[in-house]
PDB file of all heavy atoms in Angstrom:
ATOM      1  N   ALA A   1      -1.896 -37.326  20.843  1.00  0.00           N
ATOM      2  CA  ALA A   1      -1.041 -36.236  20.359  1.00  0.00           C
ATOM      3  C   ALA A   1      -1.076 -35.049  21.311  1.00  0.00           C
ATOM      4  O   ALA A   1      -1.250 -33.888  20.919  1.00  0.00           O
ATOM      5  CB  ALA A   1      -1.468 -35.803  18.954  1.00  0.00           C
ATOM      6  N   GLU A   2      -0.909 -35.354  22.580  1.00  0.00           N
ATOM      7  CA  GLU A   2      -1.005 -34.317  23.608  1.00  0.00           C
ATOM      8  C   GLU A   2       0.242 -33.449  23.601  1.00  0.00           C
ATOM      9  O   GLU A   2       1.365 -33.923  23.534  1.00  0.00           O
ATOM     10  CB  GLU A   2      -1.166 -34.983  24.975  1.00  0.00           C
ATOM     11  CG  GLU A   2      -1.274 -34.002  26.126  1.00  0.00           C
ATOM     12  CD  GLU A   2      -1.384 -34.710  27.448  1.00  0.00           C
ATOM     13  OE1 GLU A   2      -1.185 -35.942  27.476  1.00  0.00           O
ATOM     14  OE2 GLU A   2      -1.636 -34.053  28.456  1.00  0.00           O
ATOM     15  N   ILE A   3       0.056 -32.144  23.680  1.00  0.00           N
ATOM     16  CA  ILE A   3       1.164 -31.210  23.773  1.00  0.00           C
ATOM     17  C   ILE A   3       1.541 -31.049  25.237  1.00  0.00           C
ATOM     18  O   ILE A   3       0.752 -30.554  26.038  1.00  0.00           O
ATOM     19  CB  ILE A   3       0.789 -29.842  23.168  1.00  0.00           C
ATOM     20  CG1 ILE A   3       0.394 -30.018  21.699  1.00  0.00           C
ATOM     21  CG2 ILE A   3       1.947 -28.864  23.314  1.00  0.00           C
ATOM     22  CD1 ILE A   3      -0.061 -28.743  21.068  1.00  0.00           C
ATOM     23  N   LYS A   4       2.748 -31.475  25.583  1.00  0.00           N
ATOM     24  CA  LYS A   4       3.157 -31.422  26.972  1.00  0.00           C
ATOM     25  C   LYS A   4       3.651 -30.034  27.350  1.00  0.00           C
ATOM     26  O   LYS A   4       4.217 -29.316  26.543  1.00  0.00           O
ATOM     27  CB  LYS A   4       4.273 -32.443  27.231  1.00  0.00           C
ATOM     28  CG  LYS A   4       3.833 -33.887  27.058  1.00  0.00           C
ATOM     29  CD  LYS A   4       4.959 -34.834  27.436  1.00  0.00           C
ATOM     30  CE  LYS A   4       4.491 -36.273  27.330  1.00  0.00           C
ATOM     31  NZ  LYS A   4       5.568 -37.216  27.700  1.00  0.00           N
ATOM     32  N   SER A   5       3.455 -29.707  28.592  1.00  0.00           N
ATOM     33  CA  SER A   5       3.946 -28.426  29.105  1.00  0.00           C
ATOM     34  C   SER A   5       5.455 -28.493  29.252  1.00  0.00           C
ATOM     35  O   SER A   5       6.065 -29.557  29.226  1.00  0.00           O
ATOM     36  CB  SER A   5       3.312 -28.132  30.467  1.00  0.00           C
ATOM     37  OG  SER A   5       3.734 -29.091  31.412  1.00  0.00           O
ATOM     38  N   GLY A   6       6.074 -27.317  29.411  1.00  0.00           N
ATOM     39  CA  GLY A   6       7.529 -27.269  29.568  1.00  0.00           C
ATOM     40  C   GLY A   6       8.006 -28.021  30.786  1.00  0.00           C
ATOM     41  O   GLY A   6       9.038 -28.696  30.752  1.00  0.00           O
ATOM     42  N   ILE A   7       7.260 -27.939  31.894  1.00  0.00           N
ATOM     43  CA  ILE A   7       7.661 -28.635  33.127  1.00  0.00           C
ATOM     44  C   ILE A   7       7.607 -30.142  32.927  1.00  0.00           C
ATOM     45  O   ILE A   7       8.509 -30.875  33.334  1.00  0.00           O
ATOM     46  CB  ILE A   7       6.754 -28.207  34.300  1.00  0.00           C
ATOM     47  CG1 ILE A   7       6.940 -26.716  34.588  1.00  0.00           C
ATOM     48  CG2 ILE A   7       7.052 -29.040  35.534  1.00  0.00           C
ATOM     49  CD1 ILE A   7       6.067 -26.199  35.711  1.00  0.00           C
ATOM     50  N   ARG A   8       6.526 -30.621  32.277  1.00  0.00           N
ATOM     51  CA  ARG A   8       6.399 -32.061  32.054  1.00  0.00           C
ATOM     52  C   ARG A   8       7.500 -32.558  31.126  1.00  0.00           C
ATOM     53  O   ARG A   8       8.016 -33.662  31.298  1.00  0.00           O
ATOM     54  CB  ARG A   8       5.038 -32.381  31.486  1.00  0.00           C
ATOM     55  CG  ARG A   8       3.888 -32.161  32.473  1.00  0.00           C
ATOM     56  CD  ARG A   8       2.562 -32.571  31.876  1.00  0.00           C
ATOM     57  NE  ARG A   8       2.547 -33.996  31.563  1.00  0.00           N
ATOM     58  CZ  ARG A   8       1.536 -34.586  30.935  1.00  0.00           C
ATOM     59  NH1 ARG A   8       0.484 -33.870  30.538  1.00  0.00           N
ATOM     60  NH2 ARG A   8       1.575 -35.874  30.697  1.00  0.00           N
ATOM     61  N   ARG A   9       7.863 -31.766  30.116  1.00  0.00           N
ATOM     62  CA  ARG A   9       8.953 -32.163  29.228  1.00  0.00           C
ATOM     63  C   ARG A   9      10.284 -32.243  29.980  1.00  0.00           C
ATOM     64  O   ARG A   9      11.088 -33.151  29.773  1.00  0.00           O
ATOM     65  CB  ARG A   9       9.070 -31.171  28.066  1.00  0.00           C
ATOM     66  CG  ARG A   9       7.963 -31.290  27.032  1.00  0.00           C
ATOM     67  CD  ARG A   9       8.167 -30.269  25.911  1.00  0.00           C
ATOM     68  NE  ARG A   9       7.132 -30.413  24.902  1.00  0.00           N
ATOM     69  CZ  ARG A   9       7.216 -31.249  23.874  1.00  0.00           C
ATOM     70  NH1 ARG A   9       8.285 -32.015  23.744  1.00  0.00           N
ATOM     71  NH2 ARG A   9       6.244 -31.324  22.996  1.00  0.00           N
ATOM     72  N   LEU A  10      10.497 -31.278  30.883  1.00  0.00           N
ATOM     73  CA  LEU A  10      11.728 -31.260  31.660  1.00  0.00           C
ATOM     74  C   LEU A  10      11.818 -32.483  32.572  1.00  0.00           C
ATOM     75  O   LEU A  10      12.865 -33.133  32.668  1.00  0.00           O
ATOM     76  CB  LEU A  10      11.807 -29.980  32.495  1.00  0.00           C
ATOM     77  CG  LEU A  10      13.042 -29.838  33.401  1.00  0.00           C
ATOM     78  CD1 LEU A  10      14.315 -29.817  32.563  1.00  0.00           C
ATOM     79  CD2 LEU A  10      12.939 -28.573  34.249  1.00  0.00           C
ATOM     80  N   ILE A  11      10.699 -32.820  33.229  1.00  0.00           N
ATOM     81  CA  ILE A  11      10.680 -33.989  34.103  1.00  0.00           C
ATOM     82  C   ILE A  11      10.911 -35.267  33.299  1.00  0.00           C
ATOM     83  O   ILE A  11      11.655 -36.167  33.711  1.00  0.00           O
ATOM     84  CB  ILE A  11       9.351 -34.069  34.881  1.00  0.00           C
ATOM     85  CG1 ILE A  11       9.232 -32.885  35.843  1.00  0.00           C
ATOM     86  CG2 ILE A  11       9.241 -35.385  35.640  1.00  0.00           C
ATOM     87  CD1 ILE A  11       7.895 -32.815  36.563  1.00  0.00           C
ATOM     88  N   GLY A  12      10.275 -35.355  32.125  1.00  0.00           N
ATOM     89  CA  GLY A  12      10.453 -36.529  31.286  1.00  0.00           C
ATOM     90  C   GLY A  12      11.887 -36.686  30.818  1.00  0.00           C
ATOM     91  O   GLY A  12      12.440 -37.793  30.814  1.00  0.00           O
ATOM     92  N   TRP A  13      12.521 -35.564  30.442  1.00  0.00           N
ATOM     93  CA  TRP A  13      13.925 -35.640  30.027  1.00  0.00           C
ATOM     94  C   TRP A  13      14.811 -36.033  31.190  1.00  0.00           C
ATOM     95  O   TRP A  13      15.721 -36.851  31.067  1.00  0.00           O
ATOM     96  CB  TRP A  13      14.367 -34.288  29.483  1.00  0.00           C
ATOM     97  CG  TRP A  13      15.858 -34.225  29.263  1.00  0.00           C
ATOM     98  CD1 TRP A  13      16.569 -34.670  28.198  1.00  0.00           C
ATOM     99  CD2 TRP A  13      16.824 -33.700  30.190  1.00  0.00           C
ATOM    100  NE1 TRP A  13      17.911 -34.456  28.389  1.00  0.00           N
ATOM    101  CE2 TRP A  13      18.096 -33.862  29.595  1.00  0.00           C
ATOM    102  CE3 TRP A  13      16.731 -33.117  31.448  1.00  0.00           C
ATOM    103  CZ2 TRP A  13      19.256 -33.456  30.227  1.00  0.00           C
ATOM    104  CZ3 TRP A  13      17.895 -32.708  32.077  1.00  0.00           C
ATOM    105  CH2 TRP A  13      19.140 -32.870  31.475  1.00  0.00           C
ATOM    106  N   PHE A  14      14.537 -35.454  32.375  1.00  0.00           N
ATOM    107  CA  PHE A  14      15.366 -35.716  33.557  1.00  0.00           C
ATOM    108  C   PHE A  14      15.327 -37.184  33.948  1.00  0.00           C
ATOM    109  O   PHE A  14      16.321 -37.758  34.375  1.00  0.00           O
ATOM    110  CB  PHE A  14      14.879 -34.843  34.723  1.00  0.00           C
ATOM    111  CG  PHE A  14      15.797 -34.861  35.914  1.00  0.00           C
ATOM    112  CD1 PHE A  14      17.041 -34.271  35.850  1.00  0.00           C
ATOM    113  CD2 PHE A  14      15.406 -35.469  37.095  1.00  0.00           C
ATOM    114  CE1 PHE A  14      17.892 -34.271  36.934  1.00  0.00           C
ATOM    115  CE2 PHE A  14      16.248 -35.487  38.190  1.00  0.00           C
ATOM    116  CZ  PHE A  14      17.494 -34.882  38.107  1.00  0.00           C
ATOM    117  N   CYS A  15      14.175 -37.808  33.789  1.00  0.00           N
ATOM    118  CA  CYS A  15      14.030 -39.215  34.148  1.00  0.00           C
ATOM    119  C   CYS A  15      14.281 -40.150  32.973  1.00  0.00           C
ATOM    120  O   CYS A  15      14.116 -41.368  33.103  1.00  0.00           O
ATOM    121  CB  CYS A  15      12.633 -39.478  34.729  1.00  0.00           C
ATOM    122  SG  CYS A  15      12.331 -38.607  36.284  1.00  0.00           S
ATOM    123  N   GLY A  16      14.663 -39.594  31.829  1.00  0.00           N
ATOM    124  CA  GLY A  16      14.990 -40.438  30.696  1.00  0.00           C
ATOM    125  C   GLY A  16      13.792 -41.076  30.030  1.00  0.00           C
ATOM    126  O   GLY A  16      13.925 -42.095  29.362  1.00  0.00           O
ATOM    127  N   MET A  17      12.597 -40.487  30.201  1.00  0.00           N
ATOM    128  CA  MET A  17      11.391 -41.112  29.649  1.00  0.00           C
ATOM    129  C   MET A  17      10.898 -40.418  28.401  1.00  0.00           C
ATOM    130  O   MET A  17       9.986 -40.891  27.750  1.00  0.00           O
ATOM    131  CB  MET A  17      10.274 -41.086  30.701  1.00  0.00           C
ATOM    132  CG  MET A  17      10.575 -41.901  31.935  1.00  0.00           C
ATOM    133  SD  MET A  17       9.213 -41.905  33.111  1.00  0.00           S
ATOM    134  CE  MET A  17       9.099 -40.180  33.541  1.00  0.00           C
ATOM    135  N   ASP A  18      11.494 -39.282  28.068  1.00  0.00           N
ATOM    136  CA  ASP A  18      10.957 -38.567  26.922  1.00  0.00           C
ATOM    137  C   ASP A  18      12.029 -37.639  26.374  1.00  0.00           C
ATOM    138  O   ASP A  18      12.694 -36.929  27.126  1.00  0.00           O
ATOM    139  CB  ASP A  18       9.742 -37.730  27.330  1.00  0.00           C
ATOM    140  CG  ASP A  18       9.118 -37.045  26.131  1.00  0.00           C
ATOM    141  OD1 ASP A  18       8.309 -37.681  25.470  1.00  0.00           O
ATOM    142  OD2 ASP A  18       9.459 -35.870  25.872  1.00  0.00           O
ATOM    143  N   GLY A  19      12.157 -37.659  25.077  1.00  0.00           N
ATOM    144  CA  GLY A  19      13.025 -36.687  24.436  1.00  0.00           C
ATOM    145  C   GLY A  19      14.505 -36.948  24.580  1.00  0.00           C
ATOM    146  O   GLY A  19      15.311 -36.178  24.101  1.00  0.00           O
ATOM    147  N   GLY A  20      14.907 -38.007  25.281  1.00  0.00           N
ATOM    148  CA  GLY A  20      16.318 -38.263  25.482  1.00  0.00           C
ATOM    149  C   GLY A  20      16.912 -39.197  24.453  1.00  0.00           C
ATOM    150  O   GLY A  20      18.103 -39.405  24.419  1.00  0.00           O
ATOM    151  N   SER A  21      16.105 -39.779  23.624  1.00  0.00           N
ATOM    152  CA  SER A  21      16.608 -40.775  22.677  1.00  0.00           C
ATOM    153  C   SER A  21      16.872 -40.136  21.329  1.00  0.00           C
ATOM    154  O   SER A  21      16.077 -39.368  20.815  1.00  0.00           O
ATOM    155  CB  SER A  21      15.601 -41.916  22.530  1.00  0.00           C
ATOM    156  OG  SER A  21      16.028 -42.786  21.514  1.00  0.00           O
ATOM    157  N   GLN A  22      18.017 -40.473  20.760  1.00  0.00           N
ATOM    158  CA  GLN A  22      18.360 -40.017  19.418  1.00  0.00           C
ATOM    159  C   GLN A  22      18.044 -41.085  18.379  1.00  0.00           C
ATOM    160  O   GLN A  22      18.314 -40.909  17.211  1.00  0.00           O
ATOM    161  CB  GLN A  22      19.862 -39.676  19.378  1.00  0.00           C
ATOM    162  CG  GLN A  22      20.267 -38.577  20.376  1.00  0.00           C
ATOM    163  CD  GLN A  22      19.557 -37.280  20.119  1.00  0.00           C
ATOM    164  OE1 GLN A  22      19.341 -36.908  18.958  1.00  0.00           O
ATOM    165  NE2 GLN A  22      19.191 -36.563  21.170  1.00  0.00           N
ATOM    166  N   THR A  23      17.501 -42.212  18.829  1.00  0.00           N
ATOM    167  CA  THR A  23      17.189 -43.310  17.916  1.00  0.00           C
ATOM    168  C   THR A  23      15.762 -43.169  17.407  1.00  0.00           C
ATOM    169  O   THR A  23      14.829 -43.097  18.205  1.00  0.00           O
ATOM    170  CB  THR A  23      17.345 -44.659  18.635  1.00  0.00           C
ATOM    171  OG1 THR A  23      18.676 -44.729  19.183  1.00  0.00           O
ATOM    172  CG2 THR A  23      17.120 -45.806  17.680  1.00  0.00           C
ATOM    173  N   PRO A  24      15.538 -43.127  16.101  1.00  0.00           N
ATOM    174  CA  PRO A  24      14.177 -42.983  15.586  1.00  0.00           C
ATOM    175  C   PRO A  24      13.348 -44.209  15.868  1.00  0.00           C
ATOM    176  O   PRO A  24      13.858 -45.332  15.898  1.00  0.00           O
ATOM    177  CB  PRO A  24      14.396 -42.800  14.073  1.00  0.00           C
ATOM    178  CG  PRO A  24      15.724 -43.439  13.802  1.00  0.00           C
ATOM    179  CD  PRO A  24      16.548 -43.209  15.025  1.00  0.00           C
TER     180      PRO A  24
END
């Protein structure tokens, strides 16, 4: 349950690995 930093979240979204899915 690690809280990611803003930069890591941005990189994950940019590469489609995190936060980009609307499917539960």
